[in-house]
Amino acid sequence: MSTSTLIFYIFLGSSSLAYLMYAKAQRNAMALISGIGLGILPYANLSMWLMLVIAVGILALPFVVRA
């Protein structure tokens, strides 16, 4: 596993934690779903570029979908 992969996983984990904390404070369901998705994504074992595209989509989800 390369250094860039580890740094990307740390970024996903910290983003997941931030979304989960925000969802708890604001009672926002879309942020909760995004936080869970970002936490599970590194376990999918996808290529780095595909994972990056999916992660950007999940990060933008609470701003695009207002539930």
N, C-alpha and C. Protein backbone atom coordinates (compact mmCIF):
# COMPACT_ATOMS: atom_id res chain seq x y z
N MET A 1 0.85 -1.17 0.00
CA MET A 1 0.00 0.00 0.00
C MET A 1 0.90 1.24 0.00
N SER A 2 0.58 2.16 -0.88
CA SER A 2 1.43 3.34 -1.02
C SER A 2 1.06 4.42 0.00
N THR A 3 1.92 5.39 0.10
CA THR A 3 1.69 6.49 1.03
C THR A 3 0.48 7.32 0.63
N SER A 4 0.30 7.54 -0.67
CA SER A 4 -0.84 8.33 -1.12
C SER A 4 -2.16 7.64 -0.80
N THR A 5 -2.19 6.33 -0.87
CA THR A 5 -3.40 5.58 -0.52
C THR A 5 -3.71 5.73 0.96
N LEU A 6 -2.71 5.64 1.80
CA LEU A 6 -2.92 5.81 3.24
C LEU A 6 -3.41 7.22 3.58
N ILE A 7 -2.84 8.21 2.95
CA ILE A 7 -3.27 9.59 3.19
C ILE A 7 -4.71 9.78 2.72
N PHE A 8 -5.07 9.18 1.61
CA PHE A 8 -6.43 9.28 1.10
C PHE A 8 -7.41 8.59 2.05
N TYR A 9 -7.03 7.45 2.60
CA TYR A 9 -7.88 6.76 3.57
C TYR A 9 -8.05 7.58 4.85
N ILE A 10 -6.99 8.25 5.29
CA ILE A 10 -7.09 9.11 6.47
C ILE A 10 -8.03 10.28 6.18
N PHE A 11 -7.95 10.84 4.98
CA PHE A 11 -8.86 11.92 4.60
C PHE A 11 -10.31 11.44 4.58
N LEU A 12 -10.55 10.24 4.05
CA LEU A 12 -11.91 9.71 4.03
C LEU A 12 -12.43 9.46 5.44
N GLY A 13 -11.59 8.95 6.30
CA GLY A 13 -12.00 8.69 7.67
C GLY A 13 -12.32 9.96 8.43
N SER A 14 -11.50 10.99 8.27
CA SER A 14 -11.75 12.25 8.97
C SER A 14 -12.98 12.96 8.39
N SER A 15 -13.18 12.87 7.09
CA SER A 15 -14.38 13.44 6.49
C SER A 15 -15.63 12.71 6.96
N SER A 16 -15.53 11.40 7.09
CA SER A 16 -16.64 10.61 7.59
C SER A 16 -16.99 11.01 9.01
N LEU A 17 -16.00 11.17 9.85
CA LEU A 17 -16.23 11.58 11.23
C LEU A 17 -16.85 12.97 11.29
N ALA A 18 -16.38 13.88 10.45
CA ALA A 18 -16.93 15.23 10.43
C ALA A 18 -18.40 15.22 10.01
N TYR A 19 -18.74 14.45 8.99
CA TYR A 19 -20.13 14.36 8.55
C TYR A 19 -21.00 13.72 9.62
N LEU A 20 -20.49 12.71 10.30
CA LEU A 20 -21.28 12.06 11.35
C LEU A 20 -21.52 13.00 12.53
N MET A 21 -20.52 13.77 12.90
CA MET A 21 -20.69 14.73 13.99
C MET A 21 -21.68 15.83 13.60
N TYR A 22 -21.60 16.29 12.37
CA TYR A 22 -22.53 17.30 11.87
C TYR A 22 -23.95 16.76 11.83
N ALA A 23 -24.10 15.52 11.39
CA ALA A 23 -25.42 14.91 11.30
C ALA A 23 -26.05 14.76 12.67
N LYS A 24 -25.26 14.43 13.66
CA LYS A 24 -25.78 14.29 15.02
C LYS A 24 -26.20 15.65 15.58
N ALA A 25 -25.40 16.67 15.34
CA ALA A 25 -25.70 17.99 15.88
C ALA A 25 -26.91 18.63 15.20
N GLN A 26 -27.02 18.47 13.89
CA GLN A 26 -28.07 19.13 13.13
C GLN A 26 -29.26 18.22 12.81
N ARG A 27 -29.14 16.95 13.16
CA ARG A 27 -30.16 15.94 12.83
C ARG A 27 -30.46 15.93 11.34
N ASN A 28 -29.38 15.82 10.57
CA ASN A 28 -29.45 15.84 9.13
C ASN A 28 -29.23 14.42 8.61
N ALA A 29 -30.26 13.85 7.98
CA ALA A 29 -30.19 12.47 7.52
C ALA A 29 -29.21 12.30 6.35
N MET A 30 -29.15 13.28 5.46
CA MET A 30 -28.26 13.14 4.30
C MET A 30 -26.79 13.18 4.72
N ALA A 31 -26.46 13.97 5.71
CA ALA A 31 -25.09 13.99 6.23
C ALA A 31 -24.76 12.67 6.92
N LEU A 32 -25.74 12.08 7.59
CA LEU A 32 -25.53 10.77 8.22
C LEU A 32 -25.25 9.71 7.18
N ILE A 33 -26.02 9.69 6.11
CA ILE A 33 -25.82 8.72 5.04
C ILE A 33 -24.45 8.92 4.39
N SER A 34 -24.07 10.18 4.17
CA SER A 34 -22.75 10.46 3.57
C SER A 34 -21.62 10.05 4.49
N GLY A 35 -21.77 10.28 5.78
CA GLY A 35 -20.73 9.88 6.73
C GLY A 35 -20.55 8.38 6.78
N ILE A 36 -21.65 7.66 6.76
CA ILE A 36 -21.56 6.19 6.75
C ILE A 36 -20.94 5.71 5.45
N GLY A 37 -21.34 6.32 4.34
CA GLY A 37 -20.79 5.93 3.04
C GLY A 37 -19.30 6.18 2.93
N LEU A 38 -18.85 7.32 3.46
CA LEU A 38 -17.42 7.61 3.43
C LEU A 38 -16.63 6.69 4.36
N GLY A 39 -17.26 6.24 5.43
CA GLY A 39 -16.58 5.32 6.34
C GLY A 39 -16.45 3.92 5.77
N ILE A 40 -17.41 3.52 4.96
CA ILE A 40 -17.40 2.18 4.38
C ILE A 40 -16.59 2.11 3.08
N LEU A 41 -16.47 3.23 2.39
CA LEU A 41 -15.82 3.26 1.07
C LEU A 41 -14.41 2.66 1.03
N PRO A 42 -13.52 2.91 1.98
CA PRO A 42 -12.18 2.31 1.87
C PRO A 42 -12.16 0.79 1.92
N TYR A 43 -13.20 0.17 2.44
CA TYR A 43 -13.26 -1.28 2.51
C TYR A 43 -13.70 -1.91 1.19
N ALA A 44 -14.09 -1.11 0.21
CA ALA A 44 -14.60 -1.63 -1.06
C ALA A 44 -13.50 -2.19 -1.95
N ASN A 45 -12.24 -1.80 -1.72
CA ASN A 45 -11.10 -2.31 -2.47
C ASN A 45 -11.24 -2.03 -3.97
N LEU A 46 -11.54 -0.77 -4.31
CA LEU A 46 -11.67 -0.33 -5.69
C LEU A 46 -10.36 0.31 -6.15
N SER A 47 -10.29 0.65 -7.42
CA SER A 47 -9.11 1.37 -7.90
C SER A 47 -9.12 2.78 -7.30
N MET A 48 -7.97 3.41 -7.25
CA MET A 48 -7.85 4.70 -6.58
C MET A 48 -8.68 5.77 -7.29
N TRP A 49 -8.68 5.79 -8.61
CA TRP A 49 -9.41 6.82 -9.34
C TRP A 49 -10.92 6.65 -9.19
N LEU A 50 -11.39 5.42 -9.22
CA LEU A 50 -12.81 5.17 -9.03
C LEU A 50 -13.24 5.55 -7.62
N MET A 51 -12.42 5.23 -6.64
CA MET A 51 -12.73 5.58 -5.27
C MET A 51 -12.73 7.10 -5.09
N LEU A 52 -11.83 7.80 -5.76
CA LEU A 52 -11.79 9.25 -5.69
C LEU A 52 -13.06 9.87 -6.26
N VAL A 53 -13.53 9.36 -7.38
CA VAL A 53 -14.75 9.87 -8.00
C VAL A 53 -15.95 9.62 -7.11
N ILE A 54 -16.04 8.42 -6.54
CA ILE A 54 -17.16 8.10 -5.65
C ILE A 54 -17.10 8.95 -4.39
N ALA A 55 -15.91 9.17 -3.85
CA ALA A 55 -15.76 9.96 -2.63
C ALA A 55 -16.17 11.41 -2.87
N VAL A 56 -15.80 11.99 -4.00
CA VAL A 56 -16.20 13.36 -4.31
C VAL A 56 -17.72 13.44 -4.45
N GLY A 57 -18.32 12.43 -5.06
CA GLY A 57 -19.78 12.39 -5.17
C GLY A 57 -20.46 12.31 -3.81
N ILE A 58 -19.92 11.48 -2.94
CA ILE A 58 -20.51 11.35 -1.60
C ILE A 58 -20.29 12.62 -0.79
N LEU A 59 -19.12 13.24 -0.94
CA LEU A 59 -18.86 14.50 -0.22
C LEU A 59 -19.82 15.61 -0.67
N ALA A 60 -20.19 15.63 -1.94
CA ALA A 60 -21.08 16.67 -2.46
C ALA A 60 -22.55 16.36 -2.22
N LEU A 61 -22.88 15.14 -1.87
CA LEU A 61 -24.28 14.72 -1.73
C LEU A 61 -25.10 15.58 -0.77
N PRO A 62 -24.63 15.91 0.43
CA PRO A 62 -25.47 16.74 1.31
C PRO A 62 -25.73 18.14 0.79
N PHE A 63 -24.84 18.65 -0.06
CA PHE A 63 -25.03 19.99 -0.61
C PHE A 63 -25.96 19.99 -1.81
N VAL A 64 -26.05 18.86 -2.51
CA VAL A 64 -26.89 18.77 -3.69
C VAL A 64 -28.30 18.34 -3.34
N VAL A 65 -28.42 17.34 -2.49
CA VAL A 65 -29.72 16.81 -2.09
C VAL A 65 -30.09 17.39 -0.74
N ARG A 66 -31.17 18.10 -0.70
CA ARG A 66 -31.66 18.67 0.57
C ARG A 66 -32.84 17.85 1.06
N ALA A 67 -32.57 16.97 2.03
CA ALA A 67 -33.63 16.12 2.54
C ALA A 67 -34.06 16.51 3.93
